[in-house]
Amino acid sequence: MSSIRHSSVIAVALGAAFVFAGACQAAEPAKALTPQQQRMADCNKQAAGKSGDERKSFMSTCLKGENAAPATQQEKMKSCNADASKKSLKGDERKAFMSSCLRA
């Protein structure tokens, strides 16, 4: 019977030690982000609204610390078309908007 009590005491002591260790870890302040983690967070914010290959390409150049390459004609067309659709432009208004948007 003595060994059962001894085992119970050890189990309770170990349990208390784990609880105490967990409480000490929870009280530690949050660690600062590494430069790479900060760059990832910043690039992720800048990539809002991008998706698919466009996002992948942007994130790749952003994380390398490079400036984004100029948009291809296809990317410009996609972006301008989306903007024209948001503004519900039709006919001559849409043509004029697309022309000026694609030149920019």
PDB file of N, CA and C in Angstrom:
ATOM      1  N   MET A   1       0.813  -1.171   0.000  1.00  0.00           N
ATOM      2  CA  MET A   1       0.000   0.000   0.000  1.00  0.00           C
ATOM      3  C   MET A   1       0.871   1.254   0.000  1.00  0.00           C
ATOM      4  N   SER A   2       2.000   1.161   0.600  1.00  0.00           N
ATOM      5  CA  SER A   2       2.928   2.287   0.677  1.00  0.00           C
ATOM      6  C   SER A   2       3.395   2.722  -0.700  1.00  0.00           C
ATOM      7  N   SER A   3       3.597   1.748  -1.599  1.00  0.00           N
ATOM      8  CA  SER A   3       4.066   2.111  -2.939  1.00  0.00           C
ATOM      9  C   SER A   3       2.984   2.849  -3.730  1.00  0.00           C
ATOM     10  N   ILE A   4       1.693   2.547  -3.462  1.00  0.00           N
ATOM     11  CA  ILE A   4       0.600   3.248  -4.137  1.00  0.00           C
ATOM     12  C   ILE A   4       0.580   4.703  -3.688  1.00  0.00           C
ATOM     13  N   ARG A   5       0.748   4.944  -2.388  1.00  0.00           N
ATOM     14  CA  ARG A   5       0.771   6.314  -1.881  1.00  0.00           C
ATOM     15  C   ARG A   5       1.981   7.058  -2.422  1.00  0.00           C
ATOM     16  N   HIS A   6       3.107   6.381  -2.479  1.00  0.00           N
ATOM     17  CA  HIS A   6       4.340   6.992  -2.982  1.00  0.00           C
ATOM     18  C   HIS A   6       4.174   7.391  -4.450  1.00  0.00           C
ATOM     19  N   SER A   7       3.558   6.525  -5.238  1.00  0.00           N
ATOM     20  CA  SER A   7       3.311   6.808  -6.656  1.00  0.00           C
ATOM     21  C   SER A   7       2.341   7.970  -6.818  1.00  0.00           C
ATOM     22  N   SER A   8       1.331   8.015  -5.958  1.00  0.00           N
ATOM     23  CA  SER A   8       0.357   9.106  -6.021  1.00  0.00           C
ATOM     24  C   SER A   8       1.011  10.441  -5.707  1.00  0.00           C
ATOM     25  N   VAL A   9       1.890  10.432  -4.703  1.00  0.00           N
ATOM     26  CA  VAL A   9       2.582  11.669  -4.326  1.00  0.00           C
ATOM     27  C   VAL A   9       3.465  12.142  -5.475  1.00  0.00           C
ATOM     28  N   ILE A  10       4.157  11.225  -6.125  1.00  0.00           N
ATOM     29  CA  ILE A  10       5.026  11.577  -7.260  1.00  0.00           C
ATOM     30  C   ILE A  10       4.179  12.120  -8.410  1.00  0.00           C
ATOM     31  N   ALA A  11       3.064  11.491  -8.693  1.00  0.00           N
ATOM     32  CA  ALA A  11       2.188  11.941  -9.782  1.00  0.00           C
ATOM     33  C   ALA A  11       1.661  13.341  -9.512  1.00  0.00           C
ATOM     34  N   VAL A  12       1.248  13.602  -8.276  1.00  0.00           N
ATOM     35  CA  VAL A  12       0.744  14.929  -7.921  1.00  0.00           C
ATOM     36  C   VAL A  12       1.864  15.965  -8.032  1.00  0.00           C
ATOM     37  N   ALA A  13       3.054  15.614  -7.587  1.00  0.00           N
ATOM     38  CA  ALA A  13       4.188  16.539  -7.655  1.00  0.00           C
ATOM     39  C   ALA A  13       4.552  16.856  -9.101  1.00  0.00           C
ATOM     40  N   LEU A  14       4.572  15.840  -9.945  1.00  0.00           N
ATOM     41  CA  LEU A  14       4.868  16.070 -11.365  1.00  0.00           C
ATOM     42  C   LEU A  14       3.788  16.924 -12.021  1.00  0.00           C
ATOM     43  N   GLY A  15       2.550  16.650 -11.703  1.00  0.00           N
ATOM     44  CA  GLY A  15       1.452  17.447 -12.254  1.00  0.00           C
ATOM     45  C   GLY A  15       1.568  18.903 -11.847  1.00  0.00           C
ATOM     46  N   ALA A  16       1.883  19.154 -10.599  1.00  0.00           N
ATOM     47  CA  ALA A  16       2.044  20.527 -10.117  1.00  0.00           C
ATOM     48  C   ALA A  16       3.214  21.205 -10.812  1.00  0.00           C
ATOM     49  N   ALA A  17       4.283  20.454 -11.045  1.00  0.00           N
ATOM     50  CA  ALA A  17       5.452  21.018 -11.720  1.00  0.00           C
ATOM     51  C   ALA A  17       5.102  21.441 -13.150  1.00  0.00           C
ATOM     52  N   PHE A  18       4.335  20.609 -13.857  1.00  0.00           N
ATOM     53  CA  PHE A  18       3.944  20.954 -15.222  1.00  0.00           C
ATOM     54  C   PHE A  18       3.025  22.168 -15.257  1.00  0.00           C
ATOM     55  N   VAL A  19       2.111  22.243 -14.319  1.00  0.00           N
ATOM     56  CA  VAL A  19       1.207  23.388 -14.250  1.00  0.00           C
ATOM     57  C   VAL A  19       1.994  24.658 -13.967  1.00  0.00           C
ATOM     58  N   PHE A  20       2.924  24.588 -13.034  1.00  0.00           N
ATOM     59  CA  PHE A  20       3.743  25.744 -12.684  1.00  0.00           C
ATOM     60  C   PHE A  20       4.598  26.174 -13.874  1.00  0.00           C
ATOM     61  N   ALA A  21       5.194  25.214 -14.586  1.00  0.00           N
ATOM     62  CA  ALA A  21       6.020  25.529 -15.753  1.00  0.00           C
ATOM     63  C   ALA A  21       5.181  26.186 -16.840  1.00  0.00           C
ATOM     64  N   GLY A  22       3.977  25.698 -17.037  1.00  0.00           N
ATOM     65  CA  GLY A  22       3.085  26.294 -18.050  1.00  0.00           C
ATOM     66  C   GLY A  22       2.700  27.705 -17.682  1.00  0.00           C
ATOM     67  N   ALA A  23       2.465  27.967 -16.409  1.00  0.00           N
ATOM     68  CA  ALA A  23       2.093  29.313 -15.963  1.00  0.00           C
ATOM     69  C   ALA A  23       3.260  30.272 -16.145  1.00  0.00           C
ATOM     70  N   CYS A  24       4.471  29.802 -15.925  1.00  0.00           N
ATOM     71  CA  CYS A  24       5.651  30.657 -16.105  1.00  0.00           C
ATOM     72  C   CYS A  24       5.836  31.014 -17.576  1.00  0.00           C
ATOM     73  N   GLN A  25       5.606  30.072 -18.466  1.00  0.00           N
ATOM     74  CA  GLN A  25       5.754  30.340 -19.891  1.00  0.00           C
ATOM     75  C   GLN A  25       4.687  31.313 -20.373  1.00  0.00           C
ATOM     76  N   ALA A  26       3.494  31.212 -19.856  1.00  0.00           N
ATOM     77  CA  ALA A  26       2.406  32.094 -20.277  1.00  0.00           C
ATOM     78  C   ALA A  26       2.671  33.528 -19.856  1.00  0.00           C
ATOM     79  N   ALA A  27       3.462  33.724 -18.793  1.00  0.00           N
ATOM     80  CA  ALA A  27       3.729  35.058 -18.289  1.00  0.00           C
ATOM     81  C   ALA A  27       4.838  35.767 -19.068  1.00  0.00           C
ATOM     82  N   GLU A  28       5.561  35.032 -19.939  1.00  0.00           N
ATOM     83  CA  GLU A  28       6.637  35.647 -20.715  1.00  0.00           C
ATOM     84  C   GLU A  28       6.048  36.624 -21.731  1.00  0.00           C
ATOM     85  N   PRO A  29       6.723  37.754 -21.941  1.00  0.00           N
ATOM     86  CA  PRO A  29       6.226  38.696 -22.939  1.00  0.00           C
ATOM     87  C   PRO A  29       6.391  38.135 -24.354  1.00  0.00           C
ATOM     88  N   ALA A  30       5.575  38.627 -25.271  1.00  0.00           N
ATOM     89  CA  ALA A  30       5.650  38.169 -26.654  1.00  0.00           C
ATOM     90  C   ALA A  30       6.987  38.573 -27.252  1.00  0.00           C
ATOM     91  N   LYS A  31       7.572  37.683 -28.028  1.00  0.00           N
ATOM     92  CA  LYS A  31       8.863  37.953 -28.647  1.00  0.00           C
ATOM     93  C   LYS A  31       8.663  38.848 -29.856  1.00  0.00           C
ATOM     94  N   ALA A  32       9.644  39.680 -30.120  1.00  0.00           N
ATOM     95  CA  ALA A  32       9.592  40.560 -31.282  1.00  0.00           C
ATOM     96  C   ALA A  32       9.759  39.725 -32.548  1.00  0.00           C
ATOM     97  N   LEU A  33       9.174  40.190 -33.625  1.00  0.00           N
ATOM     98  CA  LEU A  33       9.293  39.486 -34.896  1.00  0.00           C
ATOM     99  C   LEU A  33      10.710  39.636 -35.442  1.00  0.00           C
ATOM    100  N   THR A  34      11.182  38.594 -36.101  1.00  0.00           N
ATOM    101  CA  THR A  34      12.476  38.674 -36.769  1.00  0.00           C
ATOM    102  C   THR A  34      12.302  39.569 -37.997  1.00  0.00           C
ATOM    103  N   PRO A  35      13.388  40.084 -38.573  1.00  0.00           N
ATOM    104  CA  PRO A  35      13.238  40.916 -39.781  1.00  0.00           C
ATOM    105  C   PRO A  35      12.504  40.196 -40.912  1.00  0.00           C
ATOM    106  N   GLN A  36      12.769  38.903 -41.081  1.00  0.00           N
ATOM    107  CA  GLN A  36      12.084  38.150 -42.135  1.00  0.00           C
ATOM    108  C   GLN A  36      10.591  38.029 -41.841  1.00  0.00           C
ATOM    109  N   GLN A  37      10.238  37.796 -40.576  1.00  0.00           N
ATOM    110  CA  GLN A  37       8.825  37.704 -40.205  1.00  0.00           C
ATOM    111  C   GLN A  37       8.129  39.046 -40.404  1.00  0.00           C
ATOM    112  N   GLN A  38       8.818  40.137 -40.084  1.00  0.00           N
ATOM    113  CA  GLN A  38       8.248  41.473 -40.274  1.00  0.00           C
ATOM    114  C   GLN A  38       8.043  41.761 -41.750  1.00  0.00           C
ATOM    115  N   ARG A  39       9.039  41.371 -42.575  1.00  0.00           N
ATOM    116  CA  ARG A  39       8.915  41.573 -44.025  1.00  0.00           C
ATOM    117  C   ARG A  39       7.734  40.782 -44.562  1.00  0.00           C
ATOM    118  N   MET A  40       7.554  39.544 -44.059  1.00  0.00           N
ATOM    119  CA  MET A  40       6.432  38.710 -44.497  1.00  0.00           C
ATOM    120  C   MET A  40       5.108  39.377 -44.147  1.00  0.00           C
ATOM    121  N   ALA A  41       5.006  39.917 -42.951  1.00  0.00           N
ATOM    122  CA  ALA A  41       3.768  40.589 -42.533  1.00  0.00           C
ATOM    123  C   ALA A  41       3.501  41.816 -43.395  1.00  0.00           C
ATOM    124  N   ASP A  42       4.542  42.614 -43.661  1.00  0.00           N
ATOM    125  CA  ASP A  42       4.379  43.816 -44.473  1.00  0.00           C
ATOM    126  C   ASP A  42       3.975  43.470 -45.904  1.00  0.00           C
ATOM    127  N   CYS A  43       4.663  42.494 -46.496  1.00  0.00           N
ATOM    128  CA  CYS A  43       4.341  42.095 -47.870  1.00  0.00           C
ATOM    129  C   CYS A  43       2.926  41.532 -47.954  1.00  0.00           C
ATOM    130  N   ASN A  44       2.522  40.792 -46.944  1.00  0.00           N
ATOM    131  CA  ASN A  44       1.183  40.208 -46.927  1.00  0.00           C
ATOM    132  C   ASN A  44       0.116  41.305 -46.914  1.00  0.00           C
ATOM    133  N   LYS A  45       0.360  42.376 -46.156  1.00  0.00           N
ATOM    134  CA  LYS A  45      -0.589  43.496 -46.127  1.00  0.00           C
ATOM    135  C   LYS A  45      -0.661  44.172 -47.493  1.00  0.00           C
ATOM    136  N   GLN A  46       0.506  44.358 -48.136  1.00  0.00           N
ATOM    137  CA  GLN A  46       0.549  45.013 -49.436  1.00  0.00           C
ATOM    138  C   GLN A  46      -0.091  44.164 -50.524  1.00  0.00           C
ATOM    139  N   ALA A  47      -0.111  42.857 -50.335  1.00  0.00           N
ATOM    140  CA  ALA A  47      -0.651  41.950 -51.346  1.00  0.00           C
ATOM    141  C   ALA A  47      -2.166  41.801 -51.260  1.00  0.00           C
ATOM    142  N   ALA A  48      -2.795  42.527 -50.354  1.00  0.00           N
ATOM    143  CA  ALA A  48      -4.248  42.430 -50.215  1.00  0.00           C
ATOM    144  C   ALA A  48      -4.920  42.746 -51.548  1.00  0.00           C
ATOM    145  N   GLY A  49      -5.847  41.924 -51.947  1.00  0.00           N
ATOM    146  CA  GLY A  49      -6.570  42.127 -53.194  1.00  0.00           C
ATOM    147  C   GLY A  49      -5.962  41.381 -54.366  1.00  0.00           C
ATOM    148  N   LYS A  50      -4.745  40.916 -54.217  1.00  0.00           N
ATOM    149  CA  LYS A  50      -4.111  40.138 -55.288  1.00  0.00           C
ATOM    150  C   LYS A  50      -4.401  38.663 -55.046  1.00  0.00           C
ATOM    151  N   SER A  51      -4.434  37.870 -56.111  1.00  0.00           N
ATOM    152  CA  SER A  51      -4.662  36.446 -55.947  1.00  0.00           C
ATOM    153  C   SER A  51      -3.946  35.677 -57.043  1.00  0.00           C
ATOM    154  N   GLY A  52      -3.833  34.401 -56.854  1.00  0.00           N
ATOM    155  CA  GLY A  52      -3.249  33.517 -57.856  1.00  0.00           C
ATOM    156  C   GLY A  52      -1.804  33.842 -58.175  1.00  0.00           C
ATOM    157  N   ASP A  53      -1.481  33.768 -59.466  1.00  0.00           N
ATOM    158  CA  ASP A  53      -0.107  33.996 -59.921  1.00  0.00           C
ATOM    159  C   ASP A  53       0.361  35.414 -59.650  1.00  0.00           C
ATOM    160  N   GLU A  54      -0.550  36.367 -59.730  1.00  0.00           N
ATOM    161  CA  GLU A  54      -0.185  37.766 -59.468  1.00  0.00           C
ATOM    162  C   GLU A  54       0.313  37.907 -58.020  1.00  0.00           C
ATOM    163  N   ARG A  55      -0.398  37.312 -57.073  1.00  0.00           N
ATOM    164  CA  ARG A  55       0.000  37.376 -55.659  1.00  0.00           C
ATOM    165  C   ARG A  55       1.315  36.642 -55.440  1.00  0.00           C
ATOM    166  N   LYS A  56       1.440  35.476 -56.045  1.00  0.00           N
ATOM    167  CA  LYS A  56       2.650  34.672 -55.897  1.00  0.00           C
ATOM    168  C   LYS A  56       3.872  35.441 -56.399  1.00  0.00           C
ATOM    169  N   SER A  57       3.735  36.059 -57.551  1.00  0.00           N
ATOM    170  CA  SER A  57       4.829  36.837 -58.125  1.00  0.00           C
ATOM    171  C   SER A  57       5.162  38.044 -57.252  1.00  0.00           C
ATOM    172  N   PHE A  58       4.124  38.745 -56.790  1.00  0.00           N
ATOM    173  CA  PHE A  58       4.335  39.912 -55.938  1.00  0.00           C
ATOM    174  C   PHE A  58       5.040  39.525 -54.650  1.00  0.00           C
ATOM    175  N   MET A  59       4.566  38.487 -53.998  1.00  0.00           N
ATOM    176  CA  MET A  59       5.159  38.056 -52.727  1.00  0.00           C
ATOM    177  C   MET A  59       6.613  37.644 -52.915  1.00  0.00           C
ATOM    178  N   SER A  60       6.905  36.987 -54.015  1.00  0.00           N
ATOM    179  CA  SER A  60       8.274  36.553 -54.278  1.00  0.00           C
ATOM    180  C   SER A  60       9.219  37.749 -54.367  1.00  0.00           C
ATOM    181  N   THR A  61       8.842  38.753 -55.156  1.00  0.00           N
ATOM    182  CA  THR A  61       9.708  39.923 -55.291  1.00  0.00           C
ATOM    183  C   THR A  61       9.732  40.746 -54.014  1.00  0.00           C
ATOM    184  N   CYS A  62       8.619  40.859 -53.344  1.00  0.00           N
ATOM    185  CA  CYS A  62       8.551  41.650 -52.120  1.00  0.00           C
ATOM    186  C   CYS A  62       9.423  41.036 -51.026  1.00  0.00           C
ATOM    187  N   LEU A  63       9.353  39.719 -50.865  1.00  0.00           N
ATOM    188  CA  LEU A  63      10.127  39.062 -49.819  1.00  0.00           C
ATOM    189  C   LEU A  63      11.631  39.099 -50.091  1.00  0.00           C
ATOM    190  N   LYS A  64      11.989  39.218 -51.362  1.00  0.00           N
ATOM    191  CA  LYS A  64      13.407  39.354 -51.708  1.00  0.00           C
ATOM    192  C   LYS A  64      13.891  40.773 -51.466  1.00  0.00           C
ATOM    193  N   GLY A  65      12.955  41.677 -51.212  1.00  0.00           N
ATOM    194  CA  GLY A  65      13.313  43.072 -50.983  1.00  0.00           C
ATOM    195  C   GLY A  65      13.466  43.845 -52.275  1.00  0.00           C
ATOM    196  N   GLU A  66      13.011  43.274 -53.354  1.00  0.00           N
ATOM    197  CA  GLU A  66      13.111  43.927 -54.658  1.00  0.00           C
ATOM    198  C   GLU A  66      11.850  44.735 -54.926  1.00  0.00           C
ATOM    199  N   ASN A  67      11.985  45.722 -55.778  1.00  0.00           N
ATOM    200  CA  ASN A  67      10.801  46.469 -56.219  1.00  0.00           C
ATOM    201  C   ASN A  67      10.039  45.598 -57.193  1.00  0.00           C
ATOM    202  N   ALA A  68       8.743  45.725 -57.166  1.00  0.00           N
ATOM    203  CA  ALA A  68       7.914  44.942 -58.069  1.00  0.00           C
ATOM    204  C   ALA A  68       8.195  45.349 -59.509  1.00  0.00           C
ATOM    205  N   ALA A  69       8.246  44.361 -60.376  1.00  0.00           N
ATOM    206  CA  ALA A  69       8.469  44.633 -61.789  1.00  0.00           C
ATOM    207  C   ALA A  69       7.252  45.341 -62.354  1.00  0.00           C
ATOM    208  N   PRO A  70       7.449  46.154 -63.394  1.00  0.00           N
ATOM    209  CA  PRO A  70       6.284  46.823 -63.988  1.00  0.00           C
ATOM    210  C   PRO A  70       5.266  45.791 -64.469  1.00  0.00           C
ATOM    211  N   ALA A  71       4.025  46.153 -64.350  1.00  0.00           N
ATOM    212  CA  ALA A  71       2.950  45.245 -64.730  1.00  0.00           C
ATOM    213  C   ALA A  71       3.000  44.960 -66.229  1.00  0.00           C
ATOM    214  N   THR A  72       2.719  43.724 -66.589  1.00  0.00           N
ATOM    215  CA  THR A  72       2.655  43.370 -67.997  1.00  0.00           C
ATOM    216  C   THR A  72       1.369  43.957 -68.585  1.00  0.00           C
ATOM    217  N   GLN A  73       1.279  43.975 -69.883  1.00  0.00           N
ATOM    218  CA  GLN A  73       0.090  44.505 -70.540  1.00  0.00           C
ATOM    219  C   GLN A  73      -1.148  43.714 -70.129  1.00  0.00           C
ATOM    220  N   GLN A  74      -0.971  42.408 -69.992  1.00  0.00           N
ATOM    221  CA  GLN A  74      -2.100  41.564 -69.601  1.00  0.00           C
ATOM    222  C   GLN A  74      -2.557  41.903 -68.176  1.00  0.00           C
ATOM    223  N   GLU A  75      -1.604  42.135 -67.266  1.00  0.00           N
ATOM    224  CA  GLU A  75      -1.952  42.499 -65.894  1.00  0.00           C
ATOM    225  C   GLU A  75      -2.643  43.861 -65.857  1.00  0.00           C
ATOM    226  N   LYS A  76      -2.147  44.810 -66.670  1.00  0.00           N
ATOM    227  CA  LYS A  76      -2.783  46.135 -66.743  1.00  0.00           C
ATOM    228  C   LYS A  76      -4.224  46.005 -67.230  1.00  0.00           C
ATOM    229  N   MET A  77      -4.401  45.202 -68.274  1.00  0.00           N
ATOM    230  CA  MET A  77      -5.744  45.030 -68.855  1.00  0.00           C
ATOM    231  C   MET A  77      -6.693  44.444 -67.815  1.00  0.00           C
ATOM    232  N   LYS A  78      -6.217  43.448 -67.079  1.00  0.00           N
ATOM    233  CA  LYS A  78      -7.050  42.815 -66.058  1.00  0.00           C
ATOM    234  C   LYS A  78      -7.426  43.811 -64.964  1.00  0.00           C
ATOM    235  N   SER A  79      -6.452  44.580 -64.512  1.00  0.00           N
ATOM    236  CA  SER A  79      -6.686  45.549 -63.449  1.00  0.00           C
ATOM    237  C   SER A  79      -7.628  46.661 -63.913  1.00  0.00           C
ATOM    238  N   CYS A  80      -7.371  47.208 -65.098  1.00  0.00           N
ATOM    239  CA  CYS A  80      -8.223  48.279 -65.619  1.00  0.00           C
ATOM    240  C   CYS A  80      -9.648  47.790 -65.866  1.00  0.00           C
ATOM    241  N   ASN A  81      -9.767  46.583 -66.358  1.00  0.00           N
ATOM    242  CA  ASN A  81     -11.092  46.009 -66.614  1.00  0.00           C
ATOM    243  C   ASN A  81     -11.867  45.855 -65.305  1.00  0.00           C
ATOM    244  N   ALA A  82     -11.174  45.398 -64.263  1.00  0.00           N
ATOM    245  CA  ALA A  82     -11.826  45.247 -62.962  1.00  0.00           C
ATOM    246  C   ALA A  82     -12.272  46.608 -62.426  1.00  0.00           C
ATOM    247  N   ASP A  83     -11.418  47.633 -62.579  1.00  0.00           N
ATOM    248  CA  ASP A  83     -11.783  48.976 -62.112  1.00  0.00           C
ATOM    249  C   ASP A  83     -12.978  49.526 -62.880  1.00  0.00           C
ATOM    250  N   ALA A  84     -13.001  49.298 -64.189  1.00  0.00           N
ATOM    251  CA  ALA A  84     -14.111  49.780 -65.014  1.00  0.00           C
ATOM    252  C   ALA A  84     -15.416  49.084 -64.621  1.00  0.00           C
ATOM    253  N   SER A  85     -15.322  47.813 -64.293  1.00  0.00           N
ATOM    254  CA  SER A  85     -16.510  47.065 -63.884  1.00  0.00           C
ATOM    255  C   SER A  85     -17.034  47.570 -62.542  1.00  0.00           C
ATOM    256  N   LYS A  86     -16.112  47.883 -61.623  1.00  0.00           N
ATOM    257  CA  LYS A  86     -16.523  48.403 -60.317  1.00  0.00           C
ATOM    258  C   LYS A  86     -17.262  49.724 -60.464  1.00  0.00           C
ATOM    259  N   LYS A  87     -16.824  50.522 -61.429  1.00  0.00           N
ATOM    260  CA  LYS A  87     -17.449  51.827 -61.648  1.00  0.00           C
ATOM    261  C   LYS A  87     -18.675  51.740 -62.538  1.00  0.00           C
ATOM    262  N   SER A  88     -18.989  50.536 -63.003  1.00  0.00           N
ATOM    263  CA  SER A  88     -20.152  50.292 -63.876  1.00  0.00           C
ATOM    264  C   SER A  88     -20.133  51.178 -65.121  1.00  0.00           C
ATOM    265  N   LEU A  89     -18.964  51.319 -65.721  1.00  0.00           N
ATOM    266  CA  LEU A  89     -18.834  52.139 -66.924  1.00  0.00           C
ATOM    267  C   LEU A  89     -19.280  51.355 -68.142  1.00  0.00           C
ATOM    268  N   LYS A  90     -19.916  52.064 -69.078  1.00  0.00           N
ATOM    269  CA  LYS A  90     -20.423  51.441 -70.305  1.00  0.00           C
ATOM    270  C   LYS A  90     -20.105  52.339 -71.493  1.00  0.00           C
ATOM    271  N   GLY A  91     -20.050  51.744 -72.664  1.00  0.00           N
ATOM    272  CA  GLY A  91     -19.914  52.490 -73.911  1.00  0.00           C
ATOM    273  C   GLY A  91     -18.675  53.364 -73.995  1.00  0.00           C
ATOM    274  N   ASP A  92     -18.889  54.621 -74.438  1.00  0.00           N
ATOM    275  CA  ASP A  92     -17.780  55.547 -74.647  1.00  0.00           C
ATOM    276  C   ASP A  92     -17.036  55.871 -73.354  1.00  0.00           C
ATOM    277  N   GLU A  93     -17.770  55.937 -72.242  1.00  0.00           N
ATOM    278  CA  GLU A  93     -17.125  56.202 -70.953  1.00  0.00           C
ATOM    279  C   GLU A  93     -16.115  55.096 -70.627  1.00  0.00           C
ATOM    280  N   ARG A  94     -16.546  53.858 -70.860  1.00  0.00           N
ATOM    281  CA  ARG A  94     -15.663  52.714 -70.585  1.00  0.00           C
ATOM    282  C   ARG A  94     -14.452  52.742 -71.505  1.00  0.00           C
ATOM    283  N   LYS A  95     -14.647  53.041 -72.782  1.00  0.00           N
ATOM    284  CA  LYS A  95     -13.538  53.093 -73.741  1.00  0.00           C
ATOM    285  C   LYS A  95     -12.526  54.155 -73.331  1.00  0.00           C
ATOM    286  N   ALA A  96     -13.026  55.324 -72.954  1.00  0.00           N
ATOM    287  CA  ALA A  96     -12.138  56.416 -72.549  1.00  0.00           C
ATOM    288  C   ALA A  96     -11.379  56.041 -71.270  1.00  0.00           C
ATOM    289  N   PHE A  97     -12.088  55.443 -70.318  1.00  0.00           N
ATOM    290  CA  PHE A  97     -11.446  55.030 -69.074  1.00  0.00           C
ATOM    291  C   PHE A  97     -10.374  53.982 -69.349  1.00  0.00           C
ATOM    292  N   MET A  98     -10.685  52.981 -70.133  1.00  0.00           N
ATOM    293  CA  MET A  98      -9.737  51.905 -70.433  1.00  0.00           C
ATOM    294  C   MET A  98      -8.507  52.442 -71.148  1.00  0.00           C
ATOM    295  N   SER A  99      -8.733  53.364 -72.070  1.00  0.00           N
ATOM    296  CA  SER A  99      -7.610  53.958 -72.805  1.00  0.00           C
ATOM    297  C   SER A  99      -6.655  54.685 -71.873  1.00  0.00           C
ATOM    298  N   SER A 100      -7.192  55.522 -71.003  1.00  0.00           N
ATOM    299  CA  SER A 100      -6.328  56.272 -70.087  1.00  0.00           C
ATOM    300  C   SER A 100      -5.697  55.352 -69.037  1.00  0.00           C
ATOM    301  N   CYS A 101      -6.435  54.360 -68.593  1.00  0.00           N
ATOM    302  CA  CYS A 101      -5.923  53.425 -67.595  1.00  0.00           C
ATOM    303  C   CYS A 101      -4.771  52.603 -68.162  1.00  0.00           C
ATOM    304  N   LEU A 102      -4.902  52.133 -69.384  1.00  0.00           N
ATOM    305  CA  LEU A 102      -3.858  51.312 -69.974  1.00  0.00           C
ATOM    306  C   LEU A 102      -2.602  52.108 -70.316  1.00  0.00           C
ATOM    307  N   ARG A 103      -2.730  53.412 -70.534  1.00  0.00           N
ATOM    308  CA  ARG A 103      -1.568  54.259 -70.803  1.00  0.00           C
ATOM    309  C   ARG A 103      -0.779  54.539 -69.514  1.00  0.00           C
ATOM    310  N   ALA A 104      -1.442  54.521 -68.390  1.00  0.00           N
ATOM    311  CA  ALA A 104      -0.789  54.869 -67.123  1.00  0.00           C
ATOM    312  C   ALA A 104       0.232  53.832 -66.696  1.00  0.00           C
TER     313      ALA A 104
END
